[in-house]
C-alpha atoms as a PDB file:
ATOM      1  CA  MET A   1       1.850  -3.565 -10.525  1.00  0.00           C
ATOM      2  CA  PRO A   2       2.894  -3.044  -8.083  1.00  0.00           C
ATOM      3  CA  ALA A   3       5.544  -0.365  -9.074  1.00  0.00           C
ATOM      4  CA  ALA A   4       8.624  -2.156  -9.001  1.00  0.00           C
ATOM      5  CA  ALA A   5      10.915   0.051  -6.270  1.00  0.00           C
ATOM      6  CA  VAL A   6       7.780  -1.075  -4.318  1.00  0.00           C
ATOM      7  CA  SER A   7       7.874  -4.614  -5.132  1.00  0.00           C
ATOM      8  CA  GLN A   8      11.924  -4.468  -4.723  1.00  0.00           C
ATOM      9  CA  SER A   9      11.809  -2.541  -0.955  1.00  0.00           C
ATOM     10  CA  LEU A  10       9.208  -4.956   0.123  1.00  0.00           C
ATOM     11  CA  THR A  11      11.507  -8.255  -0.557  1.00  0.00           C
ATOM     12  CA  ARG A  12      15.109  -6.924   0.361  1.00  0.00           C
ATOM     13  CA  THR A  13      13.827  -6.162   3.461  1.00  0.00           C
ATOM     14  CA  ALA A  14      11.322  -9.066   4.316  1.00  0.00           C
ATOM     15  CA  THR A  15      12.403 -12.585   6.195  1.00  0.00           C
ATOM     16  CA  PRO A  16      12.730 -14.972   6.416  1.00  0.00           C
ATOM     17  CA  ARG A  17      10.589 -15.394   3.104  1.00  0.00           C
ATOM     18  CA  MET A  18       6.967 -13.425   2.016  1.00  0.00           C
ATOM     19  CA  ARG A  19       3.547 -14.566   1.618  1.00  0.00           C
ATOM     20  CA  ALA A  20       1.247 -13.438  -0.446  1.00  0.00           C
ATOM     21  CA  SER A  21      -2.205 -12.816   1.684  1.00  0.00           C
ATOM     22  CA  ASP A  22      -4.471 -14.549  -0.929  1.00  0.00           C
ATOM     23  CA  ALA A  23      -2.971 -18.092  -0.541  1.00  0.00           C
ATOM     24  CA  PRO A  24      -0.781 -17.416   2.765  1.00  0.00           C
ATOM     25  CA  ASN A  25       0.322 -21.100   3.169  1.00  0.00           C
ATOM     26  CA  ARG A  26       2.527 -20.656  -0.206  1.00  0.00           C
ATOM     27  CA  LEU A  27       5.293 -18.738  -0.067  1.00  0.00           C
ATOM     28  CA  VAL A  28       6.358 -16.168  -2.579  1.00  0.00           C
ATOM     29  CA  GLU A  29       9.631 -14.291  -4.144  1.00  0.00           C
ATOM     30  CA  ASP A  30       8.104 -11.535  -5.731  1.00  0.00           C
ATOM     31  CA  THR A  31       4.932  -9.658  -5.499  1.00  0.00           C
ATOM     32  CA  ARG A  32       2.801 -10.012  -8.738  1.00  0.00           C
ATOM     33  CA  TRP A  33       3.087  -8.861 -11.452  1.00  0.00           C
ATOM     34  CA  ARG A  34       0.992  -7.668 -14.876  1.00  0.00           C
ATOM     35  CA  TYR A  35       1.776  -6.921 -17.904  1.00  0.00           C
ATOM     36  CA  LEU A  36       0.023  -3.875 -18.947  1.00  0.00           C
ATOM     37  CA  LEU A  37       1.972  -1.910 -21.502  1.00  0.00           C
ATOM     38  CA  CYS A  38       4.310  -1.137 -24.623  1.00  0.00           C
ATOM     39  CA  ALA A  39       8.086  -0.603 -24.298  1.00  0.00           C
ATOM     40  CA  ALA A  40       7.450   2.968 -24.877  1.00  0.00           C
ATOM     41  CA  CYS A  41       4.605   3.668 -22.486  1.00  0.00           C
ATOM     42  CA  GLU A  42       6.580   1.751 -19.824  1.00  0.00           C
ATOM     43  CA  GLY A  43       9.263   4.016 -20.338  1.00  0.00           C
ATOM     44  CA  LEU A  44       7.193   6.758 -20.453  1.00  0.00           C
ATOM     45  CA  LEU A  45       5.802   6.076 -16.813  1.00  0.00           C
ATOM     46  CA  SER A  46       9.432   3.867 -15.627  1.00  0.00           C
ATOM     47  CA  ARG A  47      10.827   7.678 -15.598  1.00  0.00           C
ATOM     48  CA  ASP A  48       8.870   9.211 -13.002  1.00  0.00           C
ATOM     49  CA  GLU A  49       8.548   6.286 -10.627  1.00  0.00           C
ATOM     50  CA  ALA A  50      12.191   6.098 -10.486  1.00  0.00           C
ATOM     51  CA  GLN A  51      12.186  10.003  -9.595  1.00  0.00           C
ATOM     52  CA  VAL A  52       9.597   9.367  -7.021  1.00  0.00           C
ATOM     53  CA  ALA A  53      11.683   6.002  -5.929  1.00  0.00           C
ATOM     54  CA  ARG A  54      15.194   7.705  -5.460  1.00  0.00           C
ATOM     55  CA  ALA A  55      13.047  10.879  -3.607  1.00  0.00           C
ATOM     56  CA  ILE A  56       9.863  10.042  -2.307  1.00  0.00           C
ATOM     57  CA  PHE A  57       9.512   6.365  -2.024  1.00  0.00           C
ATOM     58  CA  ILE A  58      13.005   4.855  -0.610  1.00  0.00           C
ATOM     59  CA  PRO A  59      14.298   7.721   1.565  1.00  0.00           C
ATOM     60  CA  MET A  60      10.350   7.534   3.366  1.00  0.00           C
ATOM     61  CA  HIS A  61      10.942   3.949   3.922  1.00  0.00           C
ATOM     62  CA  GLU A  62      14.311   3.785   5.411  1.00  0.00           C
ATOM     63  CA  GLU A  63      12.929   6.878   7.774  1.00  0.00           C
ATOM     64  CA  ARG A  64      15.482   9.298   6.420  1.00  0.00           C
ATOM     65  CA  GLU A  65      12.989  11.711   5.464  1.00  0.00           C
ATOM     66  CA  SER A  66       9.060  12.571   6.353  1.00  0.00           C
ATOM     67  CA  ARG A  67       7.989  15.710   4.578  1.00  0.00           C
ATOM     68  CA  PHE A  68       9.124  15.818   0.889  1.00  0.00           C
ATOM     69  CA  ARG A  69       8.738  18.857  -1.580  1.00  0.00           C
ATOM     70  CA  TYR A  70       7.588  17.103  -5.187  1.00  0.00           C
ATOM     71  CA  GLY A  71       7.422  17.851  -8.679  1.00  0.00           C
ATOM     72  CA  PRO A  72       4.801  16.872 -11.612  1.00  0.00           C
ATOM     73  CA  SER A  73       6.505  13.295 -11.756  1.00  0.00           C
ATOM     74  CA  PHE A  74       4.881  12.402  -8.473  1.00  0.00           C
ATOM     75  CA  ALA A  75       0.996  13.238  -9.692  1.00  0.00           C
ATOM     76  CA  ARG A  76       2.446  11.048 -12.740  1.00  0.00           C
ATOM     77  CA  PHE A  77       3.233   8.163 -11.104  1.00  0.00           C
ATOM     78  CA  ALA A  78       0.462   8.469  -8.608  1.00  0.00           C
ATOM     79  CA  VAL A  79      -2.118   8.368 -11.493  1.00  0.00           C
ATOM     80  CA  SER A  80      -0.039   5.543 -12.756  1.00  0.00           C
ATOM     81  CA  VAL A  81      -0.589   3.517 -10.358  1.00  0.00           C
ATOM     82  CA  ALA A  82      -4.947   4.007  -9.992  1.00  0.00           C
ATOM     83  CA  TRP A  83      -5.062   3.709 -13.347  1.00  0.00           C
ATOM     84  CA  ARG A  84      -3.047   0.368 -14.110  1.00  0.00           C
ATOM     85  CA  ALA A  85      -4.759  -0.677 -10.621  1.00  0.00           C
ATOM     86  CA  LEU A  86      -8.556   0.275 -11.994  1.00  0.00           C
ATOM     87  CA  VAL A  87      -7.675  -1.775 -15.222  1.00  0.00           C
ATOM     88  CA  VAL A  88      -6.334  -5.053 -13.686  1.00  0.00           C
ATOM     89  CA  SER A  89      -9.241  -4.259 -11.449  1.00  0.00           C
ATOM     90  CA  GLU A  90     -11.578  -4.029 -14.151  1.00  0.00           C
ATOM     91  CA  ARG A  91     -10.228  -7.232 -16.283  1.00  0.00           C
ATOM     92  CA  GLU A  92     -10.120  -9.084 -12.777  1.00  0.00           C
ATOM     93  CA  GLY A  93     -13.520  -8.489 -12.128  1.00  0.00           C
ATOM     94  CA  THR A  94     -13.210  -6.679  -8.942  1.00  0.00           C
ATOM     95  CA  VAL A  95     -14.277  -3.299  -9.379  1.00  0.00           C
ATOM     96  CA  GLY A  96     -16.648  -3.669  -7.132  1.00  0.00           C
ATOM     97  CA  THR A  97     -19.998  -1.422  -7.149  1.00  0.00           C
ATOM     98  CA  LEU A  98     -18.080   1.831  -9.002  1.00  0.00           C
ATOM     99  CA  GLY A  99     -19.965   1.885 -11.812  1.00  0.00           C
ATOM    100  CA  ASN A 100     -19.342   1.100 -15.621  1.00  0.00           C
ATOM    101  CA  ASP A 101     -19.203   4.198 -16.613  1.00  0.00           C
ATOM    102  CA  ALA A 102     -17.527   6.134 -13.788  1.00  0.00           C
ATOM    103  CA  VAL A 103     -14.709   3.238 -13.872  1.00  0.00           C
ATOM    104  CA  ALA A 104     -15.062   4.167 -17.623  1.00  0.00           C
ATOM    105  CA  ALA A 105     -14.989   7.833 -17.415  1.00  0.00           C
ATOM    106  CA  ALA A 106     -11.881   7.157 -15.070  1.00  0.00           C
ATOM    107  CA  GLU A 107      -9.796   4.906 -16.529  1.00  0.00           C
ATOM    108  CA  GLN A 108      -9.878   7.754 -19.912  1.00  0.00           C
ATOM    109  CA  THR A 109      -9.165  10.754 -17.900  1.00  0.00           C
ATOM    110  CA  TRP A 110      -6.185   8.679 -16.672  1.00  0.00           C
ATOM    111  CA  ARG A 111      -4.956   7.420 -19.256  1.00  0.00           C
ATOM    112  CA  ASP A 112      -5.070  11.087 -21.510  1.00  0.00           C
ATOM    113  CA  PHE A 113      -3.057  12.871 -18.747  1.00  0.00           C
ATOM    114  CA  LEU A 114      -0.523  10.115 -18.950  1.00  0.00           C
ATOM    115  CA  LEU A 115      -0.413  10.134 -22.430  1.00  0.00           C
ATOM    116  CA  ARG A 116       0.224  14.285 -21.750  1.00  0.00           C
ATOM    117  CA  ARG A 117      -3.049  14.747 -24.006  1.00  0.00           C
ATOM    118  CA  ARG A 118      -4.904  16.357 -21.060  1.00  0.00           C
ATOM    119  CA  ARG A 119      -2.862  18.631 -18.206  1.00  0.00           C
ATOM    120  CA  THR A 120      -4.363  17.741 -15.012  1.00  0.00           C
ATOM    121  CA  PRO A 121      -6.854  14.614 -14.158  1.00  0.00           C
ATOM    122  CA  SER A 122      -9.458  16.528 -12.945  1.00  0.00           C
ATOM    123  CA  PRO A 123     -12.390  15.344 -11.666  1.00  0.00           C
ATOM    124  CA  HIS A 124     -10.342  12.374 -11.100  1.00  0.00           C
ATOM    125  CA  ASP A 125      -8.035  13.324  -8.826  1.00  0.00           C
ATOM    126  CA  VAL A 126      -5.363  11.087  -7.082  1.00  0.00           C
ATOM    127  CA  HIS A 127      -4.684  11.620  -3.080  1.00  0.00           C
ATOM    128  CA  VAL A 128      -1.983  10.391  -1.491  1.00  0.00           C
ATOM    129  CA  LEU A 129      -2.030   9.793   2.522  1.00  0.00           C
ATOM    130  CA  PRO A 130       1.840   8.631   4.429  1.00  0.00           C
ATOM    131  CA  LEU A 131       1.233   5.757   7.020  1.00  0.00           C
ATOM    132  CA  ASP A 132       3.320   5.562   9.750  1.00  0.00           C
ATOM    133  CA  VAL A 133       2.817   4.051  13.392  1.00  0.00           C
ATOM    134  CA  PRO A 134       0.693   5.719  15.978  1.00  0.00           C
ATOM    135  CA  VAL A 135       2.510   6.454  18.861  1.00  0.00           C
ATOM    136  CA  GLN A 136      -0.815   7.800  20.934  1.00  0.00           C
ATOM    137  CA  ALA A 137      -4.105   6.243  19.940  1.00  0.00           C
ATOM    138  CA  ASP A 138      -7.315   3.841  21.278  1.00  0.00           C
ATOM    139  CA  LEU A 139      -6.689   1.046  19.863  1.00  0.00           C
ATOM    140  CA  ASP A 140      -8.556  -1.457  21.896  1.00  0.00           C
ATOM    141  CA  ASP A 141     -10.803  -2.358  18.571  1.00  0.00           C
ATOM    142  CA  PHE A 142      -7.245  -2.827  16.624  1.00  0.00           C
ATOM    143  CA  SER A 143      -6.166  -5.993  15.155  1.00  0.00           C
ATOM    144  CA  PRO A 144      -2.165  -6.472  16.609  1.00  0.00           C
ATOM    145  CA  HIS A 145      -1.268  -6.866  13.509  1.00  0.00           C
ATOM    146  CA  LEU A 146      -2.086  -2.918  12.743  1.00  0.00           C
ATOM    147  CA  GLY A 147       1.575  -1.722  12.415  1.00  0.00           C
ATOM    148  CA  ARG A 148       2.435  -5.037  10.033  1.00  0.00           C
ATOM    149  CA  PHE A 149       0.023  -3.781   7.598  1.00  0.00           C
ATOM    150  CA  LEU A 150       0.536  -0.038   7.408  1.00  0.00           C
ATOM    151  CA  LEU A 151       4.080  -0.999   7.295  1.00  0.00           C
ATOM    152  CA  ARG A 152       4.376  -3.823   5.307  1.00  0.00           C
ATOM    153  CA  ASN A 153       0.748  -4.234   3.510  1.00  0.00           C
ATOM    154  CA  ILE A 154       0.630  -4.150  -0.706  1.00  0.00           C
ATOM    155  CA  SER A 155      -2.997  -4.055  -1.325  1.00  0.00           C
ATOM    156  CA  VAL A 156      -5.087  -2.885  -3.540  1.00  0.00           C
ATOM    157  CA  ALA A 157      -9.445  -1.877  -3.103  1.00  0.00           C
ATOM    158  CA  THR A 158     -12.055  -0.291  -4.079  1.00  0.00           C
ATOM    159  CA  GLN A 159     -14.613   2.092  -2.111  1.00  0.00           C
ATOM    160  CA  ALA A 160     -18.097   2.823  -3.254  1.00  0.00           C
ATOM    161  CA  HIS A 161     -20.613   4.606  -1.005  1.00  0.00           C
ATOM    162  CA  GLY A 162     -23.277   7.220  -2.926  1.00  0.00           C
ATOM    163  CA  GLN A 163     -22.129   8.959  -5.691  1.00  0.00           C
ATOM    164  CA  CYS A 164     -18.618   8.231  -4.912  1.00  0.00           C
ATOM    165  CA  GLY A 165     -15.820   5.956  -5.879  1.00  0.00           C
ATOM    166  CA  TYR A 166     -11.935   5.370  -5.836  1.00  0.00           C
ATOM    167  CA  ILE A 167      -9.602   2.590  -5.560  1.00  0.00           C
ATOM    168  CA  VAL A 168      -6.975   2.313  -3.173  1.00  0.00           C
ATOM    169  CA  VAL A 169      -3.806   1.346  -3.631  1.00  0.00           C
ATOM    170  CA  LYS A 170      -1.337   0.247  -0.835  1.00  0.00           C
ATOM    171  CA  MET A 171       2.475   0.601  -0.885  1.00  0.00           C
ATOM    172  CA  CYS A 172       3.915   0.037   2.267  1.00  0.00           C
ATOM    173  CA  ARG A 173       3.573   3.188   3.574  1.00  0.00           C
ATOM    174  CA  LEU A 174       2.068   5.669   0.880  1.00  0.00           C
ATOM    175  CA  LEU A 175      -1.850   4.783   0.802  1.00  0.00           C
ATOM    176  CA  VAL A 176      -2.964   6.856  -3.141  1.00  0.00           C
ATOM    177  CA  PHE A 177      -6.928   6.702  -3.682  1.00  0.00           C
ATOM    178  CA  GLY A 178      -7.711   7.500  -7.129  1.00  0.00           C
ATOM    179  CA  VAL A 179     -10.641   9.205  -7.513  1.00  0.00           C
ATOM    180  CA  VAL A 180     -12.756   7.256  -9.600  1.00  0.00           C
ATOM    181  CA  ALA A 181     -16.377   8.988  -8.910  1.00  0.00           C
ATOM    182  CA  PRO A 182     -16.025  11.862  -6.780  1.00  0.00           C
ATOM    183  CA  GLY A 183     -19.512  12.470  -6.022  1.00  0.00           C
ATOM    184  CA  ASN A 184     -19.602  14.951  -3.035  1.00  0.00           C
ATOM    185  CA  GLU A 185     -16.721  14.128  -0.826  1.00  0.00           C
ATOM    186  CA  ARG A 186     -14.061  16.740  -2.496  1.00  0.00           C
ATOM    187  CA  SER A 187     -13.935  18.859   0.846  1.00  0.00           C
ATOM    188  CA  ALA A 188     -13.354  15.712   3.105  1.00  0.00           C
ATOM    189  CA  TRP A 189      -9.826  15.203   1.811  1.00  0.00           C
ATOM    190  CA  LYS A 190      -7.481  18.234   2.934  1.00  0.00           C
ATOM    191  CA  GLY A 191      -3.236  18.452   2.803  1.00  0.00           C
ATOM    192  CA  THR A 192      -3.858  14.734  -0.096  1.00  0.00           C
ATOM    193  CA  LYS A 193      -4.285  15.955  -3.334  1.00  0.00           C
ATOM    194  CA  LEU A 194      -1.193  15.935  -5.505  1.00  0.00           C
ATOM    195  CA  HIS A 195      -1.216  19.029  -7.578  1.00  0.00           C
ATOM    196  CA  VAL A 196       0.583  18.534 -11.660  1.00  0.00           C
ATOM    197  CA  ASP A 197       2.782  21.175 -10.891  1.00  0.00           C
ATOM    198  CA  GLY A 198       3.997  19.926  -7.412  1.00  0.00           C
ATOM    199  CA  GLY A 199       4.084  21.121  -4.146  1.00  0.00           C
ATOM    200  CA  SER A 200       4.850  19.586  -1.023  1.00  0.00           C
ATOM    201  CA  PHE A 201       4.194  15.901   0.655  1.00  0.00           C
ATOM    202  CA  GLY A 202       4.269  14.733   4.445  1.00  0.00           C
ATOM    203  CA  VAL A 203       2.026  17.898   5.805  1.00  0.00           C
ATOM    204  CA  ASP A 204       1.773  17.767   9.517  1.00  0.00           C
ATOM    205  CA  ARG A 205      -2.036  18.260   8.845  1.00  0.00           C
ATOM    206  CA  TYR A 206      -4.261  16.014   6.688  1.00  0.00           C
ATOM    207  CA  HIS A 207      -7.569  15.149   7.033  1.00  0.00           C
ATOM    208  CA  ALA A 208      -9.604  12.199   4.746  1.00  0.00           C
ATOM    209  CA  PRO A 209     -12.940  10.614   4.935  1.00  0.00           C
ATOM    210  CA  GLY A 210     -14.090   8.602   7.858  1.00  0.00           C
ATOM    211  CA  TRP A 211     -14.489   5.606   5.799  1.00  0.00           C
ATOM    212  CA  VAL A 212     -10.353   5.979   5.007  1.00  0.00           C
ATOM    213  CA  LEU A 213      -9.756   4.516   8.915  1.00  0.00           C
ATOM    214  CA  ALA A 214     -12.656   2.232   8.694  1.00  0.00           C
ATOM    215  CA  LEU A 215     -10.334   0.696   5.458  1.00  0.00           C
ATOM    216  CA  ILE A 216      -7.390   0.492   7.536  1.00  0.00           C
ATOM    217  CA  LYS A 217      -8.882  -0.677  10.726  1.00  0.00           C
ATOM    218  CA  LYS A 218     -10.180  -3.537   8.194  1.00  0.00           C
ATOM    219  CA  GLY A 219      -7.148  -3.996   6.402  1.00  0.00           C
ATOM    220  CA  ALA A 220      -5.236  -5.098   9.448  1.00  0.00           C
ATOM    221  CA  GLN A 221      -8.009  -7.364  10.525  1.00  0.00           C
ATOM    222  CA  LEU A 222      -7.799  -9.654   7.341  1.00  0.00           C
ATOM    223  CA  GLN A 223      -3.944  -9.338   7.927  1.00  0.00           C
ATOM    224  CA  GLN A 224      -4.256 -10.984  11.130  1.00  0.00           C
ATOM    225  CA  GLU A 225      -6.736 -13.565   9.798  1.00  0.00           C
ATOM    226  CA  ALA A 226      -4.611 -14.593   7.101  1.00  0.00           C
ATOM    227  CA  VAL A 227      -1.162 -14.537   9.237  1.00  0.00           C
ATOM    228  CA  GLU A 228      -3.491 -16.922  11.838  1.00  0.00           C
ATOM    229  CA  GLY A 229      -5.017 -19.465   8.691  1.00  0.00           C
ATOM    230  CA  LEU A 230      -1.536 -20.551   8.171  1.00  0.00           C
ATOM    231  CA  SER A 231      -1.425 -24.440   8.480  1.00  0.00           C
ATOM    232  CA  ALA A 232       0.514 -26.354  11.035  1.00  0.00           C
ATOM    233  CA  ARG A 233       2.713 -26.924   9.145  1.00  0.00           C
ATOM    234  CA  GLN A 234       3.741 -23.529   7.762  1.00  0.00           C
ATOM    235  CA  LYS A 235       3.733 -22.329  10.629  1.00  0.00           C
ATOM    236  CA  GLN A 236       6.386 -24.868  11.766  1.00  0.00           C
ATOM    237  CA  LEU A 237       8.335 -24.364   8.491  1.00  0.00           C
ATOM    238  CA  THR A 238       8.354 -20.454   9.260  1.00  0.00           C
ATOM    239  CA  HIS A 239       9.402 -20.568  12.585  1.00  0.00           C
ATOM    240  CA  ASP A 240      12.366 -23.166  11.544  1.00  0.00           C
ATOM    241  CA  ALA A 241      13.526 -20.457   8.977  1.00  0.00           C
ATOM    242  CA  LEU A 242      13.039 -17.823  11.193  1.00  0.00           C
ATOM    243  CA  MET A 243      15.300 -19.753  13.771  1.00  0.00           C
ATOM    244  CA  LYS A 244      17.992 -20.235  11.279  1.00  0.00           C
ATOM    245  CA  ALA A 245      17.707 -16.860  10.056  1.00  0.00           C
ATOM    246  CA  ILE A 246      18.519 -15.805  13.693  1.00  0.00           C
ATOM    247  CA  GLU A 247      21.612 -18.237  12.820  1.00  0.00           C
ATOM    248  CA  ALA A 248      22.787 -16.781   9.805  1.00  0.00           C
ATOM    249  CA  ASP A 249      22.521 -13.131  10.277  1.00  0.00           C
ATOM    250  CA  PRO A 250      21.014 -11.902  14.180  1.00  0.00           C
ATOM    251  CA  THR A 251      22.337  -8.245  13.213  1.00  0.00           C
ATOM    252  CA  GLY A 252      20.536  -8.355   9.501  1.00  0.00           C
ATOM    253  CA  LEU A 253      17.245  -9.724  10.673  1.00  0.00           C
ATOM    254  CA  ALA A 254      16.986  -7.274  13.681  1.00  0.00           C
ATOM    255  CA  GLU A 255      17.257  -4.330  11.235  1.00  0.00           C
ATOM    256  CA  SER A 256      15.103  -6.040   8.867  1.00  0.00           C
ATOM    257  CA  GLY A 257      11.747  -4.441   7.782  1.00  0.00           C
ATOM    258  CA  SER A 258       9.457  -7.764   8.664  1.00  0.00           C
ATOM    259  CA  VAL A 259      11.299  -7.437  12.634  1.00  0.00           C
ATOM    260  CA  LYS A 260      10.980  -3.503  12.773  1.00  0.00           C
ATOM    261  CA  ALA A 261       6.790  -3.398  11.957  1.00  0.00           C
ATOM    262  CA  PHE A 262       6.603  -6.692  14.617  1.00  0.00           C
ATOM    263  CA  GLU A 263       8.343  -3.915  17.359  1.00  0.00           C
ATOM    264  CA  LYS A 264       6.056  -1.321  16.766  1.00  0.00           C
ATOM    265  CA  ASP A 265       3.288  -4.138  17.092  1.00  0.00           C
ATOM    266  CA  LEU A 266       4.471  -5.476  20.187  1.00  0.00           C
ATOM    267  CA  GLU A 267       4.852  -2.120  21.544  1.00  0.00           C
ATOM    268  CA  LEU A 268       1.409  -1.372  20.967  1.00  0.00           C
ATOM    269  CA  PHE A 269      -0.110  -4.468  21.963  1.00  0.00           C
ATOM    270  CA  GLY A 270       1.751  -6.748  23.869  1.00  0.00           C
ATOM    271  CA  PRO A 271       2.082  -9.825  23.842  1.00  0.00           C
ATOM    272  CA  ALA A 272      -0.680  -9.734  21.210  1.00  0.00           C
ATOM    273  CA  ALA A 273       1.008  -9.257  18.751  1.00  0.00           C
ATOM    274  CA  PHE A 274       2.547 -12.719  18.559  1.00  0.00           C
ATOM    275  CA  GLN A 275       1.089 -15.532  16.370  1.00  0.00           C
ATOM    276  CA  ARG A 276      -0.484 -18.196  18.635  1.00  0.00           C
ATOM    277  CA  PRO A 277       1.620 -21.506  18.219  1.00  0.00           C
ATOM    278  CA  ALA A 278       0.928 -24.419  16.080  1.00  0.00           C
ATOM    279  CA  ASP A 279       0.079 -26.482  18.736  1.00  0.00           C
ATOM    280  CA  GLY A 280      -1.907 -24.354  20.928  1.00  0.00           C
ATOM    281  CA  LYS A 281       1.092 -23.863  23.585  1.00  0.00           C
ATOM    282  CA  ASP A 282       2.312 -20.765  24.441  1.00  0.00           C
END
């Protein structure tokens, strides 16, 4: 986790280097990986991943397409992402208050679906939201890192309230929700559910429960806090690396995903998008 295409896209378009949000003072070469599957199962899932990467993920992130027709591979890919995230979260003790019975039921259902032992993952459906930076919105109480979070962040979270529970996986512009416990929110999702036989994605109109926006807002704020929490030394190293990147390849830097995401924040939030300097001076 996450899928290879996500990791490769993020590392290829990062500049100068990436940082992990849980240890922002340490530079990383790649995203975090966990080995879960035997070679046969990995091969089974990798076919769906390759199809989704080629037909949806890469065109979306290169901004070549915004609407897609998808086949059965997309639902299987999203279920595999939710399943892997849930298994890792359970092993690491980060499932929060999802509940042992609900976690066990979702994990088994998704496993059986991926192994072709059942036709659908219902009632543990998967929903996917396509993400982009808002053009017009009231952003007064949003972090000025919103664009960078929406376009670049990869993360795993859980959400539980009442009888509802979800594993949430953010892969840059794709936000995947695995329904661990459906509760009474089925009608709150519109245009987001992936169908096992295929359908359309990137629809003009979709609806999600209100807590989804709050989750995005919190994620952007946490990313800002991680960046602002860098040590003075790391801030200086980042500045120096950026200056070298500008000198070496200014055009490539300007076209990088990192810079484009920052430019979105600059358009939305003005000077607040800049990181505070290490010495406290402008």
